[in-house]
């Protein structure tokens, strides 16, 4: 798996993932907050399968 996410993209994904996961514990307390695992994991590893499908790459290094 090649890196296809840039630094800003990865940081935003991790932040959004943590916010969504926090909804499990604070706020409406529903399990829908677990959907935050997807952006959190893709931000942590730097690879997004959806980006490869649409041919998008925000990573600057080649």
PDB file of N, CA and C in Angstrom:
ATOM      1  N   UNK A   1       0.852  -1.187   0.000  1.00  0.00           N
ATOM      2  CA  UNK A   1       0.000   0.000   0.000  1.00  0.00           C
ATOM      3  C   UNK A   1       0.889   1.238   0.000  1.00  0.00           C
ATOM      4  N   UNK A   2       0.746   2.016  -1.024  1.00  0.00           N
ATOM      5  CA  UNK A   2       1.486   3.266  -1.099  1.00  0.00           C
ATOM      6  C   UNK A   2       0.718   4.353  -0.374  1.00  0.00           C
ATOM      7  N   UNK A   3       1.454   5.301   0.156  1.00  0.00           N
ATOM      8  CA  UNK A   3       0.834   6.442   0.825  1.00  0.00           C
ATOM      9  C   UNK A   3       0.124   7.297  -0.223  1.00  0.00           C
ATOM     10  N   UNK A   4      -1.158   7.584  -0.022  1.00  0.00           N
ATOM     11  CA  UNK A   4      -1.874   8.436  -0.960  1.00  0.00           C
ATOM     12  C   UNK A   4      -2.606   9.573  -0.247  1.00  0.00           C
ATOM     13  N   UNK A   5      -2.191   9.855   1.001  1.00  0.00           N
ATOM     14  CA  UNK A   5      -2.768  10.958   1.766  1.00  0.00           C
ATOM     15  C   UNK A   5      -1.654  11.890   2.208  1.00  0.00           C
ATOM     16  N   UNK A   6      -1.885  13.173   2.045  1.00  0.00           N
ATOM     17  CA  UNK A   6      -0.928  14.169   2.483  1.00  0.00           C
ATOM     18  C   UNK A   6      -1.022  14.408   3.984  1.00  0.00           C
ATOM     19  N   UNK A   7      -0.122  15.245   4.491  1.00  0.00           N
ATOM     20  CA  UNK A   7      -0.046  15.508   5.924  1.00  0.00           C
ATOM     21  C   UNK A   7      -1.311  16.165   6.461  1.00  0.00           C
ATOM     22  N   UNK A   8      -1.795  17.180   5.775  1.00  0.00           N
ATOM     23  CA  UNK A   8      -3.009  17.873   6.226  1.00  0.00           C
ATOM     24  C   UNK A   8      -4.212  16.948   6.144  1.00  0.00           C
ATOM     25  N   UNK A   9      -4.293  16.188   5.087  1.00  0.00           N
ATOM     26  CA  UNK A   9      -5.385  15.230   4.909  1.00  0.00           C
ATOM     27  C   UNK A   9      -5.399  14.211   6.049  1.00  0.00           C
ATOM     28  N   UNK A  10      -4.227  13.691   6.382  1.00  0.00           N
ATOM     29  CA  UNK A  10      -4.130  12.708   7.460  1.00  0.00           C
ATOM     30  C   UNK A  10      -4.513  13.313   8.803  1.00  0.00           C
ATOM     31  N   UNK A  11      -4.052  14.522   9.075  1.00  0.00           N
ATOM     32  CA  UNK A  11      -4.369  15.176  10.349  1.00  0.00           C
ATOM     33  C   UNK A  11      -5.869  15.424  10.479  1.00  0.00           C
ATOM     34  N   UNK A  12      -6.495  15.887   9.405  1.00  0.00           N
ATOM     35  CA  UNK A  12      -7.936  16.128   9.438  1.00  0.00           C
ATOM     36  C   UNK A  12      -8.715  14.837   9.641  1.00  0.00           C
ATOM     37  N   UNK A  13      -8.275  13.756   9.015  1.00  0.00           N
ATOM     38  CA  UNK A  13      -8.947  12.469   9.176  1.00  0.00           C
ATOM     39  C   UNK A  13      -8.862  11.985  10.621  1.00  0.00           C
ATOM     40  N   UNK A  14      -7.691  12.131  11.238  1.00  0.00           N
ATOM     41  CA  UNK A  14      -7.535  11.696  12.624  1.00  0.00           C
ATOM     42  C   UNK A  14      -8.426  12.525  13.546  1.00  0.00           C
ATOM     43  N   UNK A  15      -8.468  13.829  13.329  1.00  0.00           N
ATOM     44  CA  UNK A  15      -9.298  14.700  14.159  1.00  0.00           C
ATOM     45  C   UNK A  15     -10.776  14.355  14.003  1.00  0.00           C
ATOM     46  N   UNK A  16     -11.229  14.209  12.764  1.00  0.00           N
ATOM     47  CA  UNK A  16     -12.634  13.862  12.515  1.00  0.00           C
ATOM     48  C   UNK A  16     -12.958  12.491  13.113  1.00  0.00           C
ATOM     49  N   UNK A  17     -12.048  11.550  12.975  1.00  0.00           N
ATOM     50  CA  UNK A  17     -12.260  10.225  13.541  1.00  0.00           C
ATOM     51  C   UNK A  17     -12.405  10.257  15.053  1.00  0.00           C
ATOM     52  N   UNK A  18     -11.540  11.031  15.715  1.00  0.00           N
ATOM     53  CA  UNK A  18     -11.626  11.135  17.171  1.00  0.00           C
ATOM     54  C   UNK A  18     -12.911  11.821  17.618  1.00  0.00           C
ATOM     55  N   UNK A  19     -13.338  12.831  16.874  1.00  0.00           N
ATOM     56  CA  UNK A  19     -14.594  13.520  17.208  1.00  0.00           C
ATOM     57  C   UNK A  19     -15.772  12.564  17.063  1.00  0.00           C
ATOM     58  N   UNK A  20     -15.797  11.805  15.987  1.00  0.00           N
ATOM     59  CA  UNK A  20     -16.896  10.862  15.785  1.00  0.00           C
ATOM     60  C   UNK A  20     -16.899   9.755  16.838  1.00  0.00           C
ATOM     61  N   UNK A  21     -15.741   9.267  17.196  1.00  0.00           N
ATOM     62  CA  UNK A  21     -15.666   8.231  18.226  1.00  0.00           C
ATOM     63  C   UNK A  21     -16.112   8.785  19.570  1.00  0.00           C
ATOM     64  N   UNK A  22     -15.820  10.051  19.840  1.00  0.00           N
ATOM     65  CA  UNK A  22     -16.238  10.642  21.115  1.00  0.00           C
ATOM     66  C   UNK A  22     -17.753  10.698  21.243  1.00  0.00           C
ATOM     67  N   UNK A  23     -18.477  10.641  20.122  1.00  0.00           N
ATOM     68  CA  UNK A  23     -19.940  10.643  20.179  1.00  0.00           C
ATOM     69  C   UNK A  23     -20.491   9.377  20.828  1.00  0.00           C
ATOM     70  N   UNK A  24     -19.689   8.319  20.874  1.00  0.00           N
ATOM     71  CA  UNK A  24     -20.120   7.092  21.532  1.00  0.00           C
ATOM     72  C   UNK A  24     -20.223   7.322  23.042  1.00  0.00           C
ATOM     73  N   UNK A  25     -19.340   8.181  23.576  1.00  0.00           N
ATOM     74  CA  UNK A  25     -19.273   8.391  25.018  1.00  0.00           C
ATOM     75  C   UNK A  25     -19.958   9.680  25.470  1.00  0.00           C
ATOM     76  N   UNK A  26     -19.953  10.707  24.605  1.00  0.00           N
ATOM     77  CA  UNK A  26     -20.525  12.002  24.952  1.00  0.00           C
ATOM     78  C   UNK A  26     -21.539  12.367  23.869  1.00  0.00           C
ATOM     79  N   UNK A  27     -22.584  13.041  24.256  1.00  0.00           N
ATOM     80  CA  UNK A  27     -23.575  13.467  23.270  1.00  0.00           C
ATOM     81  C   UNK A  27     -24.681  12.447  23.133  1.00  0.00           C
ATOM     82  N   UNK A  28     -25.037  12.075  21.893  1.00  0.00           N
ATOM     83  CA  UNK A  28     -26.174  11.179  21.708  1.00  0.00           C
ATOM     84  C   UNK A  28     -25.915   9.743  22.180  1.00  0.00           C
ATOM     85  N   UNK A  29     -24.665   9.367  22.404  1.00  0.00           N
ATOM     86  CA  UNK A  29     -24.286   8.043  22.908  1.00  0.00           C
ATOM     87  C   UNK A  29     -24.875   6.899  22.081  1.00  0.00           C
ATOM     88  N   UNK A  30     -24.704   6.992  20.787  1.00  0.00           N
ATOM     89  CA  UNK A  30     -25.133   5.918  19.896  1.00  0.00           C
ATOM     90  C   UNK A  30     -23.905   5.234  19.312  1.00  0.00           C
ATOM     91  N   UNK A  31     -24.096   4.060  18.781  1.00  0.00           N
ATOM     92  CA  UNK A  31     -22.996   3.314  18.189  1.00  0.00           C
ATOM     93  C   UNK A  31     -22.584   3.858  16.818  1.00  0.00           C
ATOM     94  N   UNK A  32     -23.333   4.794  16.280  1.00  0.00           N
ATOM     95  CA  UNK A  32     -22.963   5.403  15.000  1.00  0.00           C
ATOM     96  C   UNK A  32     -21.632   6.135  15.088  1.00  0.00           C
ATOM     97  N   UNK A  33     -21.215   6.495  16.282  1.00  0.00           N
ATOM     98  CA  UNK A  33     -19.923   7.153  16.453  1.00  0.00           C
ATOM     99  C   UNK A  33     -18.759   6.252  16.089  1.00  0.00           C
ATOM    100  N   UNK A  34     -18.984   4.936  16.090  1.00  0.00           N
ATOM    101  CA  UNK A  34     -17.909   4.014  15.729  1.00  0.00           C
ATOM    102  C   UNK A  34     -17.518   4.120  14.262  1.00  0.00           C
ATOM    103  N   UNK A  35     -18.330   4.788  13.455  1.00  0.00           N
ATOM    104  CA  UNK A  35     -17.965   5.028  12.062  1.00  0.00           C
ATOM    105  C   UNK A  35     -16.683   5.879  11.991  1.00  0.00           C
ATOM    106  N   UNK A  36     -16.356   6.541  13.097  1.00  0.00           N
ATOM    107  CA  UNK A  36     -15.127   7.327  13.178  1.00  0.00           C
ATOM    108  C   UNK A  36     -13.871   6.492  13.109  1.00  0.00           C
ATOM    109  N   UNK A  37     -13.998   5.182  13.258  1.00  0.00           N
ATOM    110  CA  UNK A  37     -12.824   4.313  13.127  1.00  0.00           C
ATOM    111  C   UNK A  37     -12.268   4.335  11.711  1.00  0.00           C
ATOM    112  N   UNK A  38     -13.129   4.538  10.730  1.00  0.00           N
ATOM    113  CA  UNK A  38     -12.681   4.530   9.332  1.00  0.00           C
ATOM    114  C   UNK A  38     -11.718   5.690   9.053  1.00  0.00           C
ATOM    115  N   UNK A  39     -12.112   6.951   9.299  1.00  0.00           N
ATOM    116  CA  UNK A  39     -11.144   8.021   9.039  1.00  0.00           C
ATOM    117  C   UNK A  39      -9.945   7.979   9.980  1.00  0.00           C
ATOM    118  N   UNK A  40     -10.144   7.494  11.199  1.00  0.00           N
ATOM    119  CA  UNK A  40      -9.027   7.404  12.138  1.00  0.00           C
ATOM    120  C   UNK A  40      -7.978   6.417  11.635  1.00  0.00           C
ATOM    121  N   UNK A  41      -8.412   5.249  11.197  1.00  0.00           N
ATOM    122  CA  UNK A  41      -7.464   4.245  10.705  1.00  0.00           C
ATOM    123  C   UNK A  41      -6.819   4.651   9.385  1.00  0.00           C
ATOM    124  N   UNK A  42      -7.599   5.206   8.457  1.00  0.00           N
ATOM    125  CA  UNK A  42      -7.001   5.621   7.186  1.00  0.00           C
ATOM    126  C   UNK A  42      -6.030   6.778   7.394  1.00  0.00           C
ATOM    127  N   UNK A  43      -6.328   7.654   8.339  1.00  0.00           N
ATOM    128  CA  UNK A  43      -5.397   8.739   8.640  1.00  0.00           C
ATOM    129  C   UNK A  43      -4.133   8.237   9.311  1.00  0.00           C
ATOM    130  N   UNK A  44      -4.268   7.210  10.128  1.00  0.00           N
ATOM    131  CA  UNK A  44      -3.106   6.666  10.839  1.00  0.00           C
ATOM    132  C   UNK A  44      -2.159   5.925   9.894  1.00  0.00           C
ATOM    133  N   UNK A  45      -2.704   5.191   8.930  1.00  0.00           N
ATOM    134  CA  UNK A  45      -1.827   4.430   8.037  1.00  0.00           C
ATOM    135  C   UNK A  45      -1.455   5.199   6.775  1.00  0.00           C
ATOM    136  N   UNK A  46      -2.191   6.266   6.460  1.00  0.00           N
ATOM    137  CA  UNK A  46      -1.843   7.091   5.304  1.00  0.00           C
ATOM    138  C   UNK A  46      -2.316   6.553   3.974  1.00  0.00           C
ATOM    139  N   UNK A  47      -3.236   5.622   3.999  1.00  0.00           N
ATOM    140  CA  UNK A  47      -3.737   5.029   2.762  1.00  0.00           C
ATOM    141  C   UNK A  47      -5.255   4.995   2.792  1.00  0.00           C
ATOM    142  N   UNK A  48      -5.873   5.465   1.708  1.00  0.00           N
ATOM    143  CA  UNK A  48      -7.323   5.467   1.594  1.00  0.00           C
ATOM    144  C   UNK A  48      -7.714   4.668   0.349  1.00  0.00           C
ATOM    145  N   UNK A  49      -8.412   3.541   0.521  1.00  0.00           N
ATOM    146  CA  UNK A  49      -8.817   2.743  -0.634  1.00  0.00           C
ATOM    147  C   UNK A  49      -9.722   3.500  -1.603  1.00  0.00           C
ATOM    148  N   UNK A  50     -10.552   4.397  -1.091  1.00  0.00           N
ATOM    149  CA  UNK A  50     -11.441   5.167  -1.962  1.00  0.00           C
ATOM    150  C   UNK A  50     -10.635   6.098  -2.880  1.00  0.00           C
ATOM    151  N   UNK A  51      -9.522   6.610  -2.394  1.00  0.00           N
ATOM    152  CA  UNK A  51      -8.677   7.464  -3.226  1.00  0.00           C
ATOM    153  C   UNK A  51      -8.129   6.698  -4.427  1.00  0.00           C
ATOM    154  N   UNK A  52      -7.780   5.432  -4.242  1.00  0.00           N
ATOM    155  CA  UNK A  52      -7.257   4.662  -5.369  1.00  0.00           C
ATOM    156  C   UNK A  52      -8.352   4.400  -6.398  1.00  0.00           C
ATOM    157  N   UNK A  53      -9.592   4.236  -5.940  1.00  0.00           N
ATOM    158  CA  UNK A  53     -10.701   3.995  -6.868  1.00  0.00           C
ATOM    159  C   UNK A  53     -10.969   5.196  -7.770  1.00  0.00           C
ATOM    160  N   UNK A  54     -10.857   6.411  -7.189  1.00  0.00           N
ATOM    161  CA  UNK A  54     -11.139   7.615  -7.973  1.00  0.00           C
ATOM    162  C   UNK A  54      -9.883   8.269  -8.518  1.00  0.00           C
ATOM    163  N   UNK A  55      -8.710   7.716  -8.214  1.00  0.00           N
ATOM    164  CA  UNK A  55      -7.452   8.217  -8.757  1.00  0.00           C
ATOM    165  C   UNK A  55      -6.959   9.497  -8.099  1.00  0.00           C
ATOM    166  N   UNK A  56      -7.281   9.701  -6.844  1.00  0.00           N
ATOM    167  CA  UNK A  56      -6.860  10.897  -6.117  1.00  0.00           C
ATOM    168  C   UNK A  56      -5.649  10.589  -5.274  1.00  0.00           C
ATOM    169  N   UNK A  57      -4.726  11.550  -5.192  1.00  0.00           N
ATOM    170  CA  UNK A  57      -3.525  11.383  -4.388  1.00  0.00           C
ATOM    171  C   UNK A  57      -3.155  12.744  -3.825  1.00  0.00           C
ATOM    172  N   UNK A  58      -3.179  12.888  -2.482  1.00  0.00           N
ATOM    173  CA  UNK A  58      -2.812  14.161  -1.861  1.00  0.00           C
ATOM    174  C   UNK A  58      -1.421  14.110  -1.248  1.00  0.00           C
ATOM    175  N   UNK A  59      -0.747  12.980  -1.385  1.00  0.00           N
ATOM    176  CA  UNK A  59       0.606  12.825  -0.850  1.00  0.00           C
ATOM    177  C   UNK A  59       1.586  13.487  -1.816  1.00  0.00           C
ATOM    178  N   UNK A  60       2.473  14.318  -1.281  1.00  0.00           N
ATOM    179  CA  UNK A  60       3.407  15.052  -2.143  1.00  0.00           C
ATOM    180  C   UNK A  60       4.589  14.222  -2.595  1.00  0.00           C
ATOM    181  N   UNK A  61       5.016  13.254  -1.784  1.00  0.00           N
ATOM    182  CA  UNK A  61       6.179  12.448  -2.186  1.00  0.00           C
ATOM    183  C   UNK A  61       5.751  11.358  -3.160  1.00  0.00           C
ATOM    184  N   UNK A  62       6.562  11.114  -4.134  1.00  0.00           N
ATOM    185  CA  UNK A  62       6.259  10.108  -5.164  1.00  0.00           C
ATOM    186  C   UNK A  62       7.223   8.958  -5.053  1.00  0.00           C
TER     187      UNK A  62
END
